[in-house]
Amino acid sequence: MTSEVKVAFFDWLAGLIIGVTPLLAHAILHVFADPAHQWEDSWAADALFVSITTSGLSAVTVFSRVSRGALSFANLEPSSCVIMALTMILFLLAGMLYGVVASGHAREISIWPAVIFLLGSAIVSLYFELALAAKMVPQKVSTGLN
């Protein structure tokens, strides 16, 4: 694994760990202290937080690479642009649903889109990070002398 790909993977992993921390704290409280009465509503916010941090941190690290000049949007393949758009859409949808859940307007069904956003965000943002990191790897020039 090249250093660029390692950095991208650990950037993605950092977002995932940051997001999972409140979920883990909630799980510990649920098991050992006071179980929530409305299970779906209370866990939906935590699952959405994971989605927001994973896709949000992915977007931030990619935009920071672009601002440093290490990556250019002009050189992206169409599939990378689609994945980038999916990452941003999942980030925005998860953020909006988080606002609904946090304001107390969630329904029992809120946990299911939250889980879908969590899984989608984790997969899409990881693919996006790794695809762009692989694009940043300097290509070896063949001299014909090898």
N, C-alpha and C. Protein backbone atom coordinates (compact mmCIF):
# COMPACT_ATOMS: atom_id res chain seq x y z
N MET A 1 0.86 -1.17 0.00
CA MET A 1 0.00 0.00 0.00
C MET A 1 0.90 1.23 0.00
N THR A 2 0.63 2.16 -0.90
CA THR A 2 1.45 3.37 -0.98
C THR A 2 1.13 4.30 0.19
N SER A 3 2.01 5.24 0.42
CA SER A 3 1.80 6.15 1.55
C SER A 3 0.55 7.00 1.36
N GLU A 4 0.24 7.41 0.13
CA GLU A 4 -0.96 8.20 -0.12
C GLU A 4 -2.21 7.41 0.23
N VAL A 5 -2.24 6.13 -0.14
CA VAL A 5 -3.39 5.29 0.14
C VAL A 5 -3.50 5.03 1.64
N LYS A 6 -2.37 4.84 2.31
CA LYS A 6 -2.40 4.66 3.77
C LYS A 6 -2.96 5.89 4.46
N VAL A 7 -2.52 7.07 4.03
CA VAL A 7 -3.02 8.31 4.63
C VAL A 7 -4.52 8.42 4.41
N ALA A 8 -4.98 8.13 3.20
CA ALA A 8 -6.42 8.21 2.91
C ALA A 8 -7.21 7.22 3.76
N PHE A 9 -6.69 6.00 3.90
CA PHE A 9 -7.38 5.00 4.70
C PHE A 9 -7.47 5.44 6.16
N PHE A 10 -6.38 5.97 6.70
CA PHE A 10 -6.40 6.39 8.10
C PHE A 10 -7.22 7.67 8.30
N ASP A 11 -7.30 8.53 7.28
CA ASP A 11 -8.22 9.68 7.35
C ASP A 11 -9.66 9.19 7.46
N TRP A 12 -10.00 8.21 6.63
CA TRP A 12 -11.35 7.64 6.66
C TRP A 12 -11.61 6.95 8.00
N LEU A 13 -10.63 6.19 8.47
CA LEU A 13 -10.77 5.48 9.74
C LEU A 13 -10.94 6.45 10.90
N ALA A 14 -10.26 7.59 10.86
CA ALA A 14 -10.40 8.60 11.91
C ALA A 14 -11.84 9.12 11.96
N GLY A 15 -12.42 9.38 10.80
CA GLY A 15 -13.82 9.83 10.77
C GLY A 15 -14.76 8.78 11.32
N LEU A 16 -14.49 7.52 11.01
CA LEU A 16 -15.32 6.43 11.51
C LEU A 16 -15.19 6.30 13.03
N ILE A 17 -13.98 6.39 13.54
CA ILE A 17 -13.76 6.28 14.99
C ILE A 17 -14.40 7.44 15.73
N ILE A 18 -14.25 8.65 15.19
CA ILE A 18 -14.87 9.82 15.81
C ILE A 18 -16.38 9.62 15.88
N GLY A 19 -16.96 9.12 14.79
CA GLY A 19 -18.40 8.91 14.76
C GLY A 19 -18.89 7.81 15.66
N VAL A 20 -18.11 6.74 15.78
CA VAL A 20 -18.53 5.58 16.57
C VAL A 20 -18.44 5.84 18.08
N THR A 21 -17.63 6.78 18.49
CA THR A 21 -17.44 7.04 19.92
C THR A 21 -18.75 7.34 20.66
N PRO A 22 -19.60 8.27 20.19
CA PRO A 22 -20.87 8.48 20.89
C PRO A 22 -21.79 7.26 20.81
N LEU A 23 -21.74 6.54 19.70
CA LEU A 23 -22.54 5.32 19.56
C LEU A 23 -22.12 4.28 20.60
N LEU A 24 -20.83 4.13 20.79
CA LEU A 24 -20.32 3.20 21.79
C LEU A 24 -20.71 3.63 23.20
N ALA A 25 -20.61 4.93 23.48
CA ALA A 25 -21.02 5.43 24.80
C ALA A 25 -22.50 5.18 25.03
N HIS A 26 -23.30 5.39 24.01
CA HIS A 26 -24.74 5.14 24.12
C HIS A 26 -25.00 3.65 24.37
N ALA A 27 -24.28 2.79 23.67
CA ALA A 27 -24.46 1.34 23.86
C ALA A 27 -24.09 0.92 25.28
N ILE A 28 -23.02 1.48 25.81
CA ILE A 28 -22.61 1.15 27.18
C ILE A 28 -23.67 1.60 28.18
N LEU A 29 -24.18 2.81 28.00
CA LEU A 29 -25.25 3.29 28.89
C LEU A 29 -26.51 2.45 28.75
N HIS A 30 -26.83 2.05 27.54
CA HIS A 30 -28.03 1.26 27.29
C HIS A 30 -27.94 -0.10 27.98
N VAL A 31 -26.76 -0.72 27.94
CA VAL A 31 -26.58 -2.05 28.52
C VAL A 31 -26.43 -1.99 30.04
N PHE A 32 -25.63 -1.04 30.54
CA PHE A 32 -25.27 -1.06 31.96
C PHE A 32 -26.01 -0.06 32.84
N ALA A 33 -26.67 0.92 32.26
CA ALA A 33 -27.29 1.94 33.10
C ALA A 33 -28.81 2.02 32.88
N ASP A 34 -29.21 2.80 31.94
CA ASP A 34 -30.63 3.08 31.76
C ASP A 34 -31.02 2.87 30.31
N PRO A 35 -31.65 1.74 29.99
CA PRO A 35 -32.06 1.49 28.60
C PRO A 35 -33.07 2.54 28.13
N ALA A 36 -32.91 2.98 26.89
CA ALA A 36 -33.82 3.97 26.32
C ALA A 36 -35.19 3.34 26.07
N HIS A 37 -36.22 4.13 26.29
CA HIS A 37 -37.58 3.62 26.09
C HIS A 37 -37.95 3.62 24.62
N GLN A 38 -37.54 4.64 23.89
CA GLN A 38 -37.78 4.69 22.46
C GLN A 38 -36.48 4.36 21.75
N TRP A 39 -36.21 3.09 21.62
CA TRP A 39 -34.93 2.60 21.12
C TRP A 39 -34.59 3.15 19.74
N GLU A 40 -35.54 3.14 18.81
CA GLU A 40 -35.26 3.56 17.44
C GLU A 40 -34.85 5.03 17.36
N ASP A 41 -35.57 5.88 18.08
CA ASP A 41 -35.27 7.30 18.03
C ASP A 41 -33.92 7.61 18.67
N SER A 42 -33.62 6.99 19.76
CA SER A 42 -32.41 7.33 20.47
C SER A 42 -31.15 6.83 19.74
N TRP A 43 -31.23 5.71 19.05
CA TRP A 43 -30.06 5.19 18.34
C TRP A 43 -29.91 5.80 16.96
N ALA A 44 -30.98 6.32 16.40
CA ALA A 44 -30.90 6.92 15.07
C ALA A 44 -29.93 8.09 15.04
N ALA A 45 -29.97 8.93 16.06
CA ALA A 45 -29.06 10.09 16.10
C ALA A 45 -27.61 9.64 16.13
N ASP A 46 -27.29 8.60 16.88
CA ASP A 46 -25.92 8.11 16.93
C ASP A 46 -25.48 7.54 15.59
N ALA A 47 -26.34 6.76 14.94
CA ALA A 47 -26.00 6.20 13.63
C ALA A 47 -25.81 7.31 12.61
N LEU A 48 -26.63 8.34 12.68
CA LEU A 48 -26.49 9.47 11.76
C LEU A 48 -25.22 10.24 12.03
N PHE A 49 -24.83 10.35 13.28
CA PHE A 49 -23.58 11.04 13.61
C PHE A 49 -22.39 10.33 12.98
N VAL A 50 -22.40 9.00 12.97
CA VAL A 50 -21.33 8.24 12.31
C VAL A 50 -21.31 8.57 10.83
N SER A 51 -22.46 8.62 10.20
CA SER A 51 -22.54 8.96 8.77
C SER A 51 -21.99 10.35 8.50
N ILE A 52 -22.37 11.28 9.33
CA ILE A 52 -21.94 12.67 9.14
C ILE A 52 -20.43 12.79 9.30
N THR A 53 -19.87 12.19 10.33
CA THR A 53 -18.42 12.32 10.51
C THR A 53 -17.63 11.58 9.44
N THR A 54 -18.10 10.41 9.05
CA THR A 54 -17.36 9.63 8.05
C THR A 54 -17.36 10.34 6.69
N SER A 55 -18.52 10.70 6.20
CA SER A 55 -18.57 11.36 4.89
C SER A 55 -18.09 12.80 4.96
N GLY A 56 -18.36 13.47 6.07
CA GLY A 56 -17.90 14.85 6.22
C GLY A 56 -16.39 14.97 6.29
N LEU A 57 -15.77 14.11 7.07
CA LEU A 57 -14.30 14.15 7.15
C LEU A 57 -13.68 13.75 5.82
N SER A 58 -14.30 12.83 5.12
CA SER A 58 -13.81 12.44 3.79
C SER A 58 -13.83 13.64 2.85
N ALA A 59 -14.93 14.37 2.85
CA ALA A 59 -15.02 15.55 2.00
C ALA A 59 -14.00 16.61 2.39
N VAL A 60 -13.81 16.82 3.68
CA VAL A 60 -12.85 17.82 4.14
C VAL A 60 -11.42 17.45 3.73
N THR A 61 -11.04 16.19 3.91
CA THR A 61 -9.67 15.80 3.55
C THR A 61 -9.44 15.89 2.05
N VAL A 62 -10.44 15.54 1.25
CA VAL A 62 -10.29 15.65 -0.20
C VAL A 62 -10.18 17.11 -0.61
N PHE A 63 -11.03 17.97 -0.05
CA PHE A 63 -10.95 19.39 -0.39
C PHE A 63 -9.63 20.00 0.09
N SER A 64 -9.08 19.51 1.19
CA SER A 64 -7.78 20.03 1.63
C SER A 64 -6.68 19.60 0.68
N ARG A 65 -6.78 18.40 0.12
CA ARG A 65 -5.80 17.97 -0.89
C ARG A 65 -5.89 18.85 -2.14
N VAL A 66 -7.10 19.21 -2.51
CA VAL A 66 -7.29 20.08 -3.67
C VAL A 66 -6.72 21.46 -3.38
N SER A 67 -6.97 22.00 -2.20
CA SER A 67 -6.47 23.34 -1.86
C SER A 67 -4.95 23.39 -1.77
N ARG A 68 -4.32 22.27 -1.41
CA ARG A 68 -2.86 22.20 -1.37
C ARG A 68 -2.26 22.00 -2.75
N GLY A 69 -3.10 21.66 -3.72
CA GLY A 69 -2.61 21.41 -5.07
C GLY A 69 -2.16 19.98 -5.29
N ALA A 70 -2.39 19.11 -4.31
CA ALA A 70 -2.00 17.71 -4.45
C ALA A 70 -2.97 16.94 -5.35
N LEU A 71 -4.13 17.51 -5.59
CA LEU A 71 -5.16 16.85 -6.37
C LEU A 71 -5.95 17.91 -7.11
N SER A 72 -6.40 17.60 -8.32
CA SER A 72 -7.20 18.53 -9.09
C SER A 72 -8.50 17.86 -9.51
N PHE A 73 -9.60 18.59 -9.31
CA PHE A 73 -10.90 18.05 -9.72
C PHE A 73 -10.96 17.85 -11.23
N ALA A 74 -10.19 18.63 -11.98
CA ALA A 74 -10.19 18.53 -13.44
C ALA A 74 -9.66 17.17 -13.92
N ASN A 75 -8.83 16.53 -13.11
CA ASN A 75 -8.23 15.26 -13.51
C ASN A 75 -9.02 14.05 -13.03
N LEU A 76 -10.17 14.27 -12.43
CA LEU A 76 -10.94 13.16 -11.89
C LEU A 76 -11.67 12.41 -12.99
N GLU A 77 -11.77 11.11 -12.81
CA GLU A 77 -12.55 10.29 -13.72
C GLU A 77 -14.03 10.50 -13.41
N PRO A 78 -14.90 10.25 -14.38
CA PRO A 78 -16.34 10.42 -14.13
C PRO A 78 -16.85 9.58 -12.95
N SER A 79 -16.33 8.37 -12.78
CA SER A 79 -16.77 7.54 -11.66
C SER A 79 -16.40 8.18 -10.32
N SER A 80 -15.25 8.82 -10.25
CA SER A 80 -14.85 9.51 -9.01
C SER A 80 -15.75 10.70 -8.73
N CYS A 81 -16.19 11.38 -9.78
CA CYS A 81 -17.12 12.51 -9.60
C CYS A 81 -18.46 12.02 -9.08
N VAL A 82 -18.92 10.87 -9.59
CA VAL A 82 -20.19 10.31 -9.12
C VAL A 82 -20.07 9.91 -7.65
N ILE A 83 -18.96 9.26 -7.29
CA ILE A 83 -18.74 8.86 -5.90
C ILE A 83 -18.63 10.08 -5.00
N MET A 84 -17.97 11.14 -5.48
CA MET A 84 -17.87 12.36 -4.69
C MET A 84 -19.27 12.96 -4.47
N ALA A 85 -20.09 12.96 -5.51
CA ALA A 85 -21.45 13.48 -5.38
C ALA A 85 -22.26 12.63 -4.40
N LEU A 86 -22.12 11.30 -4.47
CA LEU A 86 -22.82 10.43 -3.53
C LEU A 86 -22.38 10.69 -2.09
N THR A 87 -21.08 10.90 -1.90
CA THR A 87 -20.56 11.20 -0.56
C THR A 87 -21.20 12.48 -0.02
N MET A 88 -21.26 13.51 -0.85
CA MET A 88 -21.84 14.78 -0.41
C MET A 88 -23.35 14.65 -0.18
N ILE A 89 -24.04 13.91 -1.04
CA ILE A 89 -25.49 13.72 -0.87
C ILE A 89 -25.78 12.97 0.43
N LEU A 90 -25.01 11.90 0.70
CA LEU A 90 -25.21 11.15 1.95
C LEU A 90 -24.92 12.04 3.15
N PHE A 91 -23.90 12.87 3.05
CA PHE A 91 -23.56 13.79 4.13
C PHE A 91 -24.73 14.75 4.39
N LEU A 92 -25.27 15.32 3.33
CA LEU A 92 -26.37 16.27 3.48
C LEU A 92 -27.65 15.61 3.99
N LEU A 93 -27.99 14.44 3.44
CA LEU A 93 -29.20 13.74 3.90
C LEU A 93 -29.08 13.30 5.35
N ALA A 94 -27.91 12.79 5.72
CA ALA A 94 -27.70 12.38 7.11
C ALA A 94 -27.78 13.59 8.04
N GLY A 95 -27.22 14.71 7.61
CA GLY A 95 -27.29 15.93 8.42
C GLY A 95 -28.71 16.43 8.60
N MET A 96 -29.50 16.37 7.52
CA MET A 96 -30.89 16.81 7.64
C MET A 96 -31.70 15.88 8.53
N LEU A 97 -31.52 14.57 8.37
CA LEU A 97 -32.25 13.63 9.22
C LEU A 97 -31.79 13.75 10.67
N TYR A 98 -30.51 14.04 10.88
CA TYR A 98 -30.01 14.26 12.24
C TYR A 98 -30.74 15.43 12.89
N GLY A 99 -30.96 16.50 12.12
CA GLY A 99 -31.70 17.64 12.64
C GLY A 99 -33.12 17.27 13.03
N VAL A 100 -33.76 16.41 12.23
CA VAL A 100 -35.12 15.96 12.55
C VAL A 100 -35.11 15.14 13.84
N VAL A 101 -34.15 14.21 13.93
CA VAL A 101 -34.07 13.33 15.11
C VAL A 101 -33.72 14.14 16.36
N ALA A 102 -32.73 15.02 16.25
CA ALA A 102 -32.28 15.79 17.41
C ALA A 102 -33.35 16.76 17.92
N SER A 103 -34.22 17.20 17.02
CA SER A 103 -35.27 18.13 17.45
C SER A 103 -36.49 17.42 18.02
N GLY A 104 -36.44 16.08 18.04
CA GLY A 104 -37.53 15.32 18.64
C GLY A 104 -38.68 15.01 17.70
N HIS A 105 -38.49 15.18 16.41
CA HIS A 105 -39.55 14.94 15.44
C HIS A 105 -39.39 13.62 14.70
N ALA A 106 -38.56 12.74 15.19
CA ALA A 106 -38.31 11.46 14.52
C ALA A 106 -39.48 10.51 14.74
N ARG A 107 -39.59 9.57 13.85
CA ARG A 107 -40.59 8.50 13.95
C ARG A 107 -39.86 7.19 14.23
N GLU A 108 -40.59 6.15 14.54
CA GLU A 108 -39.96 4.85 14.80
C GLU A 108 -39.13 4.37 13.61
N ILE A 109 -39.53 4.75 12.44
CA ILE A 109 -38.86 4.28 11.23
C ILE A 109 -37.52 5.01 11.00
N SER A 110 -37.22 6.04 11.74
CA SER A 110 -36.00 6.84 11.53
C SER A 110 -34.72 6.02 11.63
N ILE A 111 -34.74 4.94 12.38
CA ILE A 111 -33.53 4.14 12.53
C ILE A 111 -33.11 3.51 11.20
N TRP A 112 -34.06 3.15 10.35
CA TRP A 112 -33.71 2.46 9.10
C TRP A 112 -33.00 3.34 8.10
N PRO A 113 -33.48 4.55 7.81
CA PRO A 113 -32.66 5.41 6.95
C PRO A 113 -31.32 5.76 7.59
N ALA A 114 -31.31 5.87 8.91
CA ALA A 114 -30.04 6.17 9.60
C ALA A 114 -29.02 5.06 9.37
N VAL A 115 -29.46 3.81 9.46
CA VAL A 115 -28.56 2.67 9.24
C VAL A 115 -28.14 2.62 7.77
N ILE A 116 -29.07 2.89 6.87
CA ILE A 116 -28.73 2.90 5.44
C ILE A 116 -27.72 4.00 5.15
N PHE A 117 -27.92 5.19 5.71
CA PHE A 117 -26.97 6.29 5.52
C PHE A 117 -25.62 5.93 6.12
N LEU A 118 -25.61 5.27 7.28
CA LEU A 118 -24.35 4.88 7.92
C LEU A 118 -23.57 3.92 7.02
N LEU A 119 -24.21 2.87 6.56
CA LEU A 119 -23.52 1.90 5.70
C LEU A 119 -23.10 2.52 4.37
N GLY A 120 -24.01 3.27 3.77
CA GLY A 120 -23.69 3.92 2.50
C GLY A 120 -22.55 4.90 2.63
N SER A 121 -22.59 5.69 3.67
CA SER A 121 -21.54 6.68 3.91
C SER A 121 -20.19 6.02 4.13
N ALA A 122 -20.17 4.96 4.92
CA ALA A 122 -18.90 4.27 5.18
C ALA A 122 -18.32 3.69 3.89
N ILE A 123 -19.14 3.06 3.09
CA ILE A 123 -18.66 2.43 1.86
C ILE A 123 -18.25 3.47 0.82
N VAL A 124 -19.13 4.44 0.58
CA VAL A 124 -18.87 5.43 -0.46
C VAL A 124 -17.68 6.31 -0.10
N SER A 125 -17.60 6.76 1.14
CA SER A 125 -16.48 7.64 1.51
C SER A 125 -15.15 6.90 1.50
N LEU A 126 -15.15 5.63 1.89
CA LEU A 126 -13.90 4.86 1.82
C LEU A 126 -13.46 4.69 0.37
N TYR A 127 -14.39 4.33 -0.50
CA TYR A 127 -14.05 4.18 -1.91
C TYR A 127 -13.54 5.50 -2.48
N PHE A 128 -14.21 6.58 -2.14
CA PHE A 128 -13.82 7.90 -2.64
C PHE A 128 -12.42 8.27 -2.18
N GLU A 129 -12.16 8.13 -0.90
CA GLU A 129 -10.82 8.45 -0.36
C GLU A 129 -9.73 7.62 -1.05
N LEU A 130 -9.96 6.31 -1.14
CA LEU A 130 -8.94 5.43 -1.71
C LEU A 130 -8.75 5.66 -3.20
N ALA A 131 -9.83 5.91 -3.92
CA ALA A 131 -9.72 6.16 -5.36
C ALA A 131 -8.94 7.43 -5.63
N LEU A 132 -9.19 8.48 -4.86
CA LEU A 132 -8.46 9.72 -5.06
C LEU A 132 -7.01 9.60 -4.60
N ALA A 133 -6.78 8.85 -3.54
CA ALA A 133 -5.40 8.66 -3.08
C ALA A 133 -4.60 7.88 -4.12
N ALA A 134 -5.22 6.88 -4.72
CA ALA A 134 -4.53 6.11 -5.75
C ALA A 134 -4.21 7.00 -6.96
N LYS A 135 -5.07 7.96 -7.23
CA LYS A 135 -4.85 8.90 -8.32
C LYS A 135 -3.66 9.81 -8.04
N MET A 136 -3.38 10.05 -6.75
CA MET A 136 -2.28 10.93 -6.36
C MET A 136 -0.93 10.23 -6.42
N VAL A 137 -0.91 8.89 -6.53
CA VAL A 137 0.34 8.14 -6.56
C VAL A 137 1.08 8.48 -7.83
N PRO A 138 2.33 8.91 -7.72
CA PRO A 138 3.09 9.25 -8.93
C PRO A 138 3.26 8.00 -9.80
N GLN A 139 2.98 8.18 -11.08
CA GLN A 139 3.12 7.08 -12.03
C GLN A 139 4.60 6.93 -12.41
N LYS A 140 5.07 5.69 -12.42
CA LYS A 140 6.46 5.43 -12.81
C LYS A 140 6.57 5.56 -14.32
N VAL A 141 7.57 6.26 -14.77
CA VAL A 141 7.79 6.47 -16.20
C VAL A 141 8.63 5.31 -16.71
N SER A 142 8.14 4.69 -17.75
CA SER A 142 8.89 3.59 -18.35
C SER A 142 9.89 4.16 -19.34
N THR A 143 11.17 3.80 -19.17
CA THR A 143 12.22 4.30 -20.04
C THR A 143 12.58 3.30 -21.12
N GLY A 144 12.03 2.09 -21.05
CA GLY A 144 12.37 1.08 -22.02
C GLY A 144 13.66 0.36 -21.68
N LEU A 145 14.32 0.78 -20.58
CA LEU A 145 15.59 0.17 -20.19
C LEU A 145 15.38 -0.88 -19.12
N ASN A 146 14.16 -1.10 -18.68
CA ASN A 146 13.89 -2.03 -17.58
C ASN A 146 14.07 -3.44 -18.00
